[in-house]
Amino acid sequence: MNIITITGATKKQNTTTAYTTYIVTSNMPMLKISTKATLKGHKGFSSTVLPYKSPSKYGGGIYSTYTGSKKYFSVKLDSQVTTQLGTKSTGSSAGGVTLGK
């Protein structure tokens, strides 16, 4: 059985940029990790990695930008992980952030 989990948190970097950190864990070595951080009502920002030495735990981050009028966004993480047993998806909330000018 292939069990995948993701947890994350988002922090404001400046008025238009946020950084979402995440940790993906698996009970199998991970060959490929595709993660998307979505600002609810706006758009998603993606990251794909081929982790070195196929770890069972990986930490990364994604920058998100918004230049419109000041607005609060909840952030959702979605990850698709490929292991020797195939590909599996998982998701999680990653908090929220106020961005904009």
Protein backbone atom coordinates (compact mmCIF):
# COMPACT_ATOMS: atom_id res chain seq x y z
CA MET A 1 0.00 0.00 0.00
CA ASN A 2 1.22 3.48 -0.94
CA ILE A 3 0.46 6.13 1.76
CA ILE A 4 1.23 9.78 0.94
CA THR A 5 0.76 12.83 3.22
CA ILE A 6 1.46 16.53 2.77
CA THR A 7 1.53 19.35 5.31
CA GLY A 8 2.33 22.99 4.73
CA ALA A 9 2.22 26.59 5.89
CA THR A 10 2.21 29.94 4.10
CA LYS A 11 4.06 33.12 5.07
CA LYS A 12 3.88 36.57 3.52
CA GLN A 13 7.22 37.70 2.05
CA ASN A 14 6.14 41.21 0.96
CA THR A 15 2.93 42.94 -0.20
CA THR A 16 2.65 40.85 -3.38
CA THR A 17 4.52 37.60 -2.63
CA ALA A 18 3.90 34.63 -0.33
CA TYR A 19 6.01 31.53 0.28
CA THR A 20 4.39 28.18 1.03
CA THR A 21 6.61 25.55 2.62
CA TYR A 22 5.57 21.91 2.54
CA ILE A 23 6.67 18.45 3.61
CA VAL A 24 5.62 15.36 1.66
CA THR A 25 6.01 11.93 3.26
CA SER A 26 5.52 8.46 1.83
CA ASN A 27 5.97 4.92 3.06
CA MET A 28 7.78 4.20 -0.23
CA PRO A 29 10.78 5.95 -1.85
CA MET A 30 9.55 8.91 -3.94
CA LEU A 31 10.71 9.15 -7.56
CA LYS A 32 8.86 12.33 -8.61
CA ILE A 33 6.90 14.98 -6.69
CA SER A 34 4.60 17.51 -8.39
CA THR A 35 3.09 20.07 -6.01
CA LYS A 36 0.71 22.98 -6.61
CA ALA A 37 -0.08 25.81 -4.18
CA THR A 38 -3.40 27.45 -5.08
CA LEU A 39 -4.53 30.85 -3.85
CA LYS A 40 -8.31 30.32 -3.58
CA GLY A 41 -10.13 32.37 -6.21
CA HIS A 42 -6.89 33.23 -8.01
CA LYS A 43 -4.49 30.72 -9.56
CA GLY A 44 -2.05 27.96 -8.73
CA PHE A 45 1.74 27.96 -8.68
CA SER A 46 3.53 24.66 -9.36
CA SER A 47 6.78 22.88 -8.59
CA THR A 48 8.01 19.50 -9.86
CA VAL A 49 11.11 17.76 -8.47
CA LEU A 50 12.95 14.50 -8.97
CA PRO A 51 14.34 14.10 -5.45
CA TYR A 52 17.92 12.92 -4.96
CA LYS A 53 18.26 9.31 -3.73
CA SER A 54 14.46 8.72 -3.73
CA PRO A 55 13.71 9.78 -0.12
CA SER A 56 10.57 8.87 1.81
CA LYS A 57 10.35 12.47 3.12
CA TYR A 58 10.85 15.69 1.13
CA GLY A 59 10.56 19.38 2.07
CA GLY A 60 10.16 22.16 -0.45
CA GLY A 61 8.54 25.50 -1.12
CA ILE A 62 6.60 27.47 -3.69
CA TYR A 63 6.42 31.24 -4.23
CA SER A 64 3.02 32.76 -5.12
CA THR A 65 2.35 36.28 -6.36
CA TYR A 66 -0.70 38.55 -6.57
CA THR A 67 -0.54 42.19 -7.67
CA GLY A 68 -4.21 43.17 -7.60
CA SER A 69 -6.04 45.03 -4.83
CA LYS A 70 -5.44 43.83 -1.26
CA LYS A 71 -7.22 40.53 -0.63
CA TYR A 72 -7.11 37.53 1.72
CA PHE A 73 -6.45 34.12 0.15
CA SER A 74 -6.70 30.69 1.71
CA VAL A 75 -3.97 28.42 0.33
CA LYS A 76 -4.47 24.80 -0.73
CA LEU A 77 -1.69 22.34 -1.49
CA ASP A 78 -2.13 19.47 -3.93
CA SER A 79 0.63 16.96 -4.57
CA GLN A 80 1.03 14.08 -6.99
CA VAL A 81 3.75 11.63 -5.96
CA THR A 82 5.23 8.85 -8.07
CA THR A 83 6.73 5.80 -6.31
CA GLN A 84 7.58 2.28 -7.46
CA LEU A 85 3.91 1.41 -6.84
CA GLY A 86 2.58 4.12 -9.16
CA THR A 87 1.23 7.66 -8.80
CA LYS A 88 -0.96 8.90 -5.96
CA SER A 89 -2.46 12.31 -5.15
CA THR A 90 -3.03 14.04 -1.83
CA GLY A 91 -3.97 17.51 -0.63
CA SER A 92 -3.98 19.76 2.40
CA SER A 93 -4.72 23.29 3.55
CA ALA A 94 -1.65 25.51 3.98
CA GLY A 95 -3.17 28.42 5.90
CA GLY A 96 -3.87 31.80 4.37
CA VAL A 97 -2.29 35.13 3.51
CA THR A 98 -3.27 38.70 2.62
CA LEU A 99 -1.65 39.94 -0.60
CA GLY A 100 -2.07 42.92 -2.90
CA LYS A 101 -1.44 46.62 -3.10
